[in-house]
Amino acid sequence: MRKKREVVESFFSFIGKSPGEVDELDVQRWLEHLREKLKPATVYARISFLSSFYRWAMRDPAVGTQIRANPVLLARPKAPRAYQTDSTKAWTDQELQTIVAAVEKRAAQDLIGKRDLALLRMYMATGRRREEIISLRGRDVRLTDDGLEVGGRMKGGRYRTMKVEDPEVKTALLDYLGNAKRLHVLKTDAPLWTRHDHPKFAGEALTSYSFVKNLKRYARGAGVGEVHLHQTRHTFARIVQETTGSFNETQEALDHANLATTRVYVQRIAVKADKHSRKIGERMKSSRNSKLKEEG
C-alpha cells in the first residue's frame, strides 16, 4: 500500500493538477517521463497503480463527484510479455555456488551474514516468492527431526505448509537465530528476520528491500554482476525442471494455479537442450569425407 501511495503522489507532484483536472495527455506525459529511466514492466506497474487509484476515487462518495472518468484507460500501454526481463533469467549452477560462497564468507564474520545466508538458503530451497519468505513469522516455522516445516501465506491468500529437508537450511537458520539470541521467536508471532545494522533498530522486521541491497552487494563483489531476488525462484524452477523433466512437478513446486503459466515460465528460463547438432555435424563430416574420397 505504501508503494502505491508513493507512486500516485509522485504522479500528482509531476503533473501539478488535482485528480479531477487530469486528462489522458497528462498521463501520457508522465508515461514518457517514466520510460526515460524505468523498464517496461515497472512502467506498466506504476500506470496500473494510478489506474487503481482512479477506480477507487470514482467509487468514493467524497471525491467521486469530482472525477467523471479514469484518464489512465486511453493512455495505458499494453502489458509487457510475461517473464521477458533480466530478472527472469535463472542463475547457472556456477553463479549460484559463487553467490552462496560470498554470503558464507560474510556469515563467518557477523550476524548480518548469518541472517542473509539463512534467508538465501530458504529462498532457494522453497522457490517461494519475495514476500512469502521475508514476511515469515516465528510460528510459521517448525523444527523437525529431518529438517523444517515452513508455512506462510501464498499468493492468493492461501496458507500453505511445506517440508524443507535440506539440512543446510535448518543449520543456517539455527545458526542465525542462536547467535542473535532469538531462538525464542519460534512458535511466536514475532518476525523471523530482523534488522541488525543498528542497535536502535534491533527487533524491527527486515524488509525485502534491505535484503536485496545486500544480495546485490554479495553478487557484485563475487563477480557475478547484477542480480535480482526473483532469480532465486527462477533458479529453483530451472533445477526442479532439469531434475524431474516434469512440468506438472514444476507447477506444484512453484505453486502455480495454471500449468500454462509454468510452461511459459520454464521455457523462458531454461536453456534448450541440444538434441540434433552432433548428428547434423556427423552427417556433414560424412558428406565431406565421401567427397574427398571421390576426388582422391
Protein backbone atom coordinates (compact mmCIF):
# COMPACT_ATOMS: atom_id res chain seq x y z
CA MET A 1 0.00 0.00 0.00
CA ARG A 2 2.82 2.44 0.83
CA LYS A 3 4.42 1.86 -2.58
CA LYS A 4 1.12 2.51 -4.36
CA ARG A 5 0.61 5.71 -2.40
CA GLU A 6 4.13 6.91 -3.23
CA VAL A 7 3.57 6.26 -6.95
CA VAL A 8 0.25 8.12 -7.01
CA GLU A 9 1.71 11.04 -5.05
CA SER A 10 4.67 11.24 -7.44
CA PHE A 11 2.26 11.43 -10.40
CA PHE A 12 0.32 14.39 -9.00
CA SER A 13 3.56 16.09 -7.99
CA PHE A 14 4.84 15.70 -11.55
CA ILE A 15 1.60 16.87 -13.22
CA GLY A 16 0.73 19.62 -10.74
CA LYS A 17 -3.03 19.13 -11.04
CA SER A 18 -5.83 17.86 -8.83
CA PRO A 19 -7.29 14.40 -9.60
CA GLY A 20 -10.37 15.86 -11.30
CA GLU A 21 -8.30 18.05 -13.65
CA VAL A 22 -6.11 15.27 -15.06
CA ASP A 23 -6.68 14.06 -18.62
CA GLU A 24 -5.14 11.33 -20.77
CA LEU A 25 -2.50 13.72 -22.17
CA ASP A 26 -1.21 14.29 -18.63
CA VAL A 27 -0.96 10.55 -18.11
CA GLN A 28 0.80 10.18 -21.46
CA ARG A 29 3.34 12.86 -20.47
CA TRP A 30 4.06 11.07 -17.20
CA LEU A 31 4.33 7.79 -19.08
CA GLU A 32 7.02 9.21 -21.37
CA HIS A 33 8.85 10.55 -18.32
CA LEU A 34 8.84 7.11 -16.69
CA ARG A 35 10.07 5.41 -19.86
CA GLU A 36 13.24 7.51 -19.80
CA LYS A 37 14.55 5.72 -16.71
CA LEU A 38 12.44 2.63 -16.00
CA LYS A 39 11.91 -0.76 -17.59
CA PRO A 40 8.59 -1.56 -19.34
CA ALA A 41 7.38 -3.87 -16.57
CA THR A 42 8.00 -1.19 -13.91
CA VAL A 43 6.31 1.48 -16.03
CA TYR A 44 3.28 -0.76 -16.52
CA ALA A 45 3.07 -1.46 -12.78
CA ARG A 46 3.12 2.25 -11.94
CA ILE A 47 0.48 3.09 -14.52
CA SER A 48 -1.63 0.27 -13.05
CA PHE A 49 -1.28 1.78 -9.55
CA LEU A 50 -2.55 5.11 -10.89
CA SER A 51 -5.48 3.45 -12.66
CA SER A 52 -6.33 1.61 -9.45
CA PHE A 53 -6.38 4.92 -7.58
CA TYR A 54 -8.86 6.39 -10.07
CA ARG A 55 -11.12 3.34 -9.86
CA TRP A 56 -11.18 3.75 -6.09
CA ALA A 57 -11.73 7.52 -6.28
CA MET A 58 -14.67 7.19 -8.67
CA ARG A 59 -16.41 4.85 -6.19
CA ASP A 60 -15.70 7.07 -3.18
CA PRO A 61 -18.70 9.29 -2.29
CA ALA A 62 -16.46 12.14 -1.11
CA VAL A 63 -14.38 12.57 -4.28
CA GLY A 64 -16.27 10.58 -6.90
CA THR A 65 -18.42 13.55 -7.90
CA GLN A 66 -15.30 15.46 -8.99
CA ILE A 67 -13.97 12.70 -11.26
CA ARG A 68 -16.02 11.71 -14.30
CA ALA A 69 -13.65 9.22 -15.94
CA ASN A 70 -10.43 7.29 -15.45
CA PRO A 71 -7.82 9.20 -17.53
CA VAL A 72 -5.45 6.24 -17.48
CA LEU A 73 -7.59 3.97 -19.64
CA LEU A 74 -6.81 5.53 -23.03
CA ALA A 75 -3.13 6.20 -22.23
CA ARG A 76 -2.30 2.86 -20.65
CA PRO A 77 0.32 0.84 -22.58
CA LYS A 78 -0.03 -2.83 -23.41
CA ALA A 79 1.11 -5.19 -20.68
CA PRO A 80 4.68 -6.40 -21.29
CA ARG A 81 5.05 -10.07 -22.12
CA ALA A 82 5.45 -12.22 -19.04
CA TYR A 83 8.91 -13.39 -17.99
CA GLN A 84 10.85 -11.36 -20.58
CA THR A 85 13.04 -9.23 -18.30
CA ASP A 86 16.56 -9.71 -16.95
CA SER A 87 15.12 -10.62 -13.55
CA THR A 88 13.57 -13.76 -15.08
CA LYS A 89 16.92 -15.25 -16.01
CA ALA A 90 17.88 -18.20 -13.85
CA TRP A 91 21.36 -18.36 -12.36
CA THR A 92 23.67 -21.06 -13.61
CA ASP A 93 24.89 -23.59 -11.06
CA GLN A 94 28.27 -21.82 -11.09
CA GLU A 95 26.69 -18.42 -10.43
CA LEU A 96 24.57 -19.86 -7.62
CA GLN A 97 27.59 -21.51 -5.99
CA THR A 98 29.60 -18.30 -6.29
CA ILE A 99 26.88 -16.19 -4.64
CA VAL A 100 26.40 -18.72 -1.82
CA ALA A 101 30.16 -18.79 -1.20
CA ALA A 102 30.21 -14.98 -0.94
CA VAL A 103 27.37 -14.98 1.60
CA GLU A 104 29.01 -17.82 3.56
CA LYS A 105 32.17 -15.74 3.79
CA ARG A 106 30.19 -12.89 5.34
CA ALA A 107 28.31 -15.33 7.60
CA ALA A 108 31.62 -16.36 9.16
CA GLN A 109 32.16 -12.74 10.17
CA ASP A 110 28.93 -11.33 11.59
CA LEU A 111 25.24 -11.72 12.37
CA ILE A 112 24.02 -9.94 9.24
CA GLY A 113 25.86 -12.51 7.15
CA LYS A 114 24.35 -15.38 9.14
CA ARG A 115 20.86 -13.97 8.62
CA ASP A 116 21.43 -13.39 4.92
CA LEU A 117 22.76 -16.91 4.44
CA ALA A 118 19.71 -18.40 6.17
CA LEU A 119 17.45 -16.22 4.01
CA LEU A 120 19.18 -17.12 0.75
CA ARG A 121 19.06 -20.83 1.55
CA MET A 122 15.38 -20.53 2.47
CA TYR A 123 14.55 -18.78 -0.81
CA MET A 124 16.49 -21.33 -2.84
CA ALA A 125 15.14 -24.40 -1.04
CA THR A 126 11.49 -23.36 -1.26
CA GLY A 127 11.28 -21.36 -4.51
CA ARG A 128 8.83 -19.06 -2.79
CA ARG A 129 8.10 -15.50 -3.83
CA ARG A 130 9.80 -12.44 -2.39
CA GLU A 131 7.22 -11.51 0.26
CA GLU A 132 6.33 -15.10 1.13
CA ILE A 133 9.73 -15.63 2.75
CA ILE A 134 10.63 -12.18 4.05
CA SER A 135 7.25 -11.90 5.85
CA LEU A 136 7.58 -15.19 7.75
CA ARG A 137 6.79 -15.11 11.47
CA GLY A 138 8.27 -17.39 14.08
CA ARG A 139 5.11 -19.50 14.24
CA ASP A 140 5.38 -20.25 10.51
CA VAL A 141 8.49 -22.41 11.00
CA ARG A 142 8.54 -25.72 12.86
CA LEU A 143 11.70 -27.71 13.54
CA THR A 144 11.51 -31.42 12.72
CA ASP A 145 13.97 -34.30 13.05
CA ASP A 146 14.65 -34.29 9.30
CA GLY A 147 14.55 -30.54 8.63
CA LEU A 148 11.88 -27.86 8.76
CA GLU A 149 8.22 -27.32 8.04
CA VAL A 150 7.68 -23.84 6.62
CA GLY A 151 4.20 -22.37 6.47
CA GLY A 152 3.07 -18.99 5.26
CA ARG A 153 0.53 -17.09 3.24
CA MET A 154 0.84 -17.71 -0.51
CA LYS A 155 -0.20 -15.59 -3.48
CA GLY A 156 -3.99 -15.54 -3.48
CA GLY A 157 -4.21 -15.65 0.30
CA ARG A 158 -3.94 -19.42 0.82
CA TYR A 159 -1.91 -20.71 3.77
CA ARG A 160 0.45 -23.50 2.76
CA THR A 161 2.99 -25.59 4.66
CA MET A 162 5.89 -27.39 3.01
CA LYS A 163 8.69 -29.63 4.22
CA VAL A 164 12.28 -28.48 3.73
CA GLU A 165 14.65 -31.40 4.17
CA ASP A 166 17.90 -29.78 3.02
CA PRO A 167 19.93 -29.87 6.28
CA GLU A 168 21.85 -26.74 5.27
CA VAL A 169 18.67 -24.65 5.57
CA LYS A 170 17.95 -25.78 9.12
CA THR A 171 21.61 -25.39 10.11
CA ALA A 172 21.80 -21.85 8.71
CA LEU A 173 18.53 -20.80 10.37
CA LEU A 174 19.50 -22.15 13.79
CA ASP A 175 22.96 -20.60 13.47
CA TYR A 176 21.36 -17.23 12.80
CA LEU A 177 18.68 -17.39 15.49
CA GLY A 178 21.08 -18.87 18.04
CA ASN A 179 23.74 -16.21 17.56
CA ALA A 180 21.08 -13.49 17.55
CA LYS A 181 19.69 -14.97 20.80
CA ARG A 182 16.31 -15.18 19.07
CA LEU A 183 15.51 -18.90 19.17
CA HIS A 184 12.54 -17.98 21.33
CA VAL A 185 10.75 -16.38 18.35
CA LEU A 186 9.78 -19.81 17.03
CA LYS A 187 6.14 -20.50 17.95
CA THR A 188 5.54 -16.74 18.37
CA ASP A 189 4.13 -14.05 16.08
CA ALA A 190 7.44 -12.15 16.05
CA PRO A 191 9.14 -11.62 12.66
CA LEU A 192 11.59 -14.39 11.76
CA TRP A 193 14.03 -11.99 10.06
CA THR A 194 15.06 -8.77 11.80
CA ARG A 195 17.47 -5.89 11.38
CA HIS A 196 20.94 -5.98 12.92
CA ASP A 197 22.54 -2.93 11.31
CA HIS A 198 22.00 -0.55 14.25
CA PRO A 199 21.09 -1.05 17.94
CA LYS A 200 18.14 1.35 17.76
CA PHE A 201 16.54 -0.80 15.04
CA ALA A 202 17.05 -4.10 16.88
CA GLY A 203 13.97 -6.29 16.65
CA GLU A 204 12.46 -4.46 13.69
CA ALA A 205 11.34 -6.67 10.83
CA LEU A 206 13.77 -6.85 7.93
CA THR A 207 12.39 -5.58 4.62
CA SER A 208 12.95 -7.34 1.32
CA TYR A 209 14.49 -4.10 0.03
CA SER A 210 17.26 -4.32 2.65
CA PHE A 211 18.00 -7.96 1.85
CA VAL A 212 18.05 -7.24 -1.88
CA LYS A 213 20.63 -4.49 -1.35
CA ASN A 214 22.86 -6.97 0.47
CA LEU A 215 22.30 -9.69 -2.13
CA LYS A 216 23.32 -7.34 -4.94
CA ARG A 217 26.43 -6.37 -2.99
CA TYR A 218 27.42 -10.01 -2.48
CA ALA A 219 26.93 -10.80 -6.17
CA ARG A 220 28.86 -7.80 -7.44
CA GLY A 221 31.69 -8.49 -5.01
CA ALA A 222 31.89 -12.08 -6.24
CA GLY A 223 31.98 -11.01 -9.89
CA VAL A 224 28.50 -12.30 -10.80
CA GLY A 225 27.20 -8.85 -11.71
CA GLU A 226 23.67 -7.51 -11.39
CA VAL A 227 21.15 -9.87 -9.77
CA HIS A 228 17.50 -9.77 -8.73
CA LEU A 229 15.89 -11.55 -5.79
CA HIS A 230 13.25 -13.16 -8.02
CA GLN A 231 16.07 -15.05 -9.72
CA THR A 232 16.11 -17.37 -6.71
CA ARG A 233 12.64 -18.55 -7.73
CA HIS A 234 13.60 -18.89 -11.39
CA THR A 235 16.74 -20.82 -10.49
CA PHE A 236 14.67 -23.09 -8.26
CA ALA A 237 12.30 -23.69 -11.19
CA ARG A 238 15.18 -24.44 -13.55
CA ILE A 239 16.68 -27.01 -11.19
CA VAL A 240 13.32 -28.71 -10.50
CA GLN A 241 12.54 -28.92 -14.22
CA GLU A 242 16.00 -30.24 -15.10
CA THR A 243 15.88 -32.78 -12.26
CA THR A 244 12.36 -34.09 -12.83
CA GLY A 245 11.71 -33.31 -16.50
CA SER A 246 8.09 -32.81 -15.47
CA PHE A 247 6.03 -29.66 -15.98
CA ASN A 248 3.47 -30.99 -13.50
CA GLU A 249 6.04 -31.39 -10.73
CA THR A 250 7.48 -27.96 -11.51
CA GLN A 251 3.98 -26.46 -11.42
CA GLU A 252 3.36 -27.99 -8.00
CA ALA A 253 6.74 -26.84 -6.69
CA LEU A 254 6.11 -23.27 -7.88
CA ASP A 255 2.52 -23.28 -6.57
CA HIS A 256 1.19 -22.17 -9.95
CA ALA A 257 -2.57 -22.50 -10.40
CA ASN A 258 -2.23 -22.96 -14.15
CA LEU A 259 0.08 -25.37 -15.98
CA ALA A 260 0.26 -22.97 -18.94
CA THR A 261 1.89 -20.40 -16.66
CA THR A 262 4.53 -22.94 -15.69
CA ARG A 263 5.24 -23.78 -19.33
CA VAL A 264 5.84 -20.13 -20.22
CA TYR A 265 7.89 -19.70 -17.06
CA VAL A 266 10.16 -22.68 -17.74
CA GLN A 267 10.53 -22.01 -21.46
CA ARG A 268 11.82 -18.51 -20.69
CA ILE A 269 14.40 -19.55 -18.10
CA ALA A 270 15.54 -22.92 -19.40
CA VAL A 271 18.49 -23.43 -21.71
CA LYS A 272 17.08 -25.55 -24.50
CA ALA A 273 18.81 -28.91 -24.78
CA ASP A 274 20.72 -29.61 -27.99
CA LYS A 275 19.38 -32.86 -29.41
CA HIS A 276 20.45 -32.50 -33.02
CA SER A 277 23.70 -30.60 -33.70
CA ARG A 278 26.02 -33.58 -33.11
CA LYS A 279 24.04 -35.75 -35.53
CA ILE A 280 23.95 -32.98 -38.12
CA GLY A 281 27.68 -32.47 -37.65
CA GLU A 282 28.31 -36.17 -38.25
CA ARG A 283 26.29 -36.02 -41.48
CA MET A 284 28.35 -33.04 -42.59
CA LYS A 285 31.58 -34.91 -41.86
CA SER A 286 30.37 -37.97 -43.71
CA SER A 287 29.43 -35.88 -46.72
CA ARG A 288 32.81 -34.14 -46.73
CA ASN A 289 34.74 -37.39 -46.31
CA SER A 290 32.88 -39.02 -49.20
CA LYS A 291 33.66 -36.07 -51.44
CA LEU A 292 37.35 -36.20 -50.54
CA LYS A 293 37.49 -39.91 -51.39
CA GLU A 294 35.88 -39.28 -54.77
CA GLU A 295 38.38 -36.50 -55.53
CA GLY A 296 41.30 -38.66 -54.41
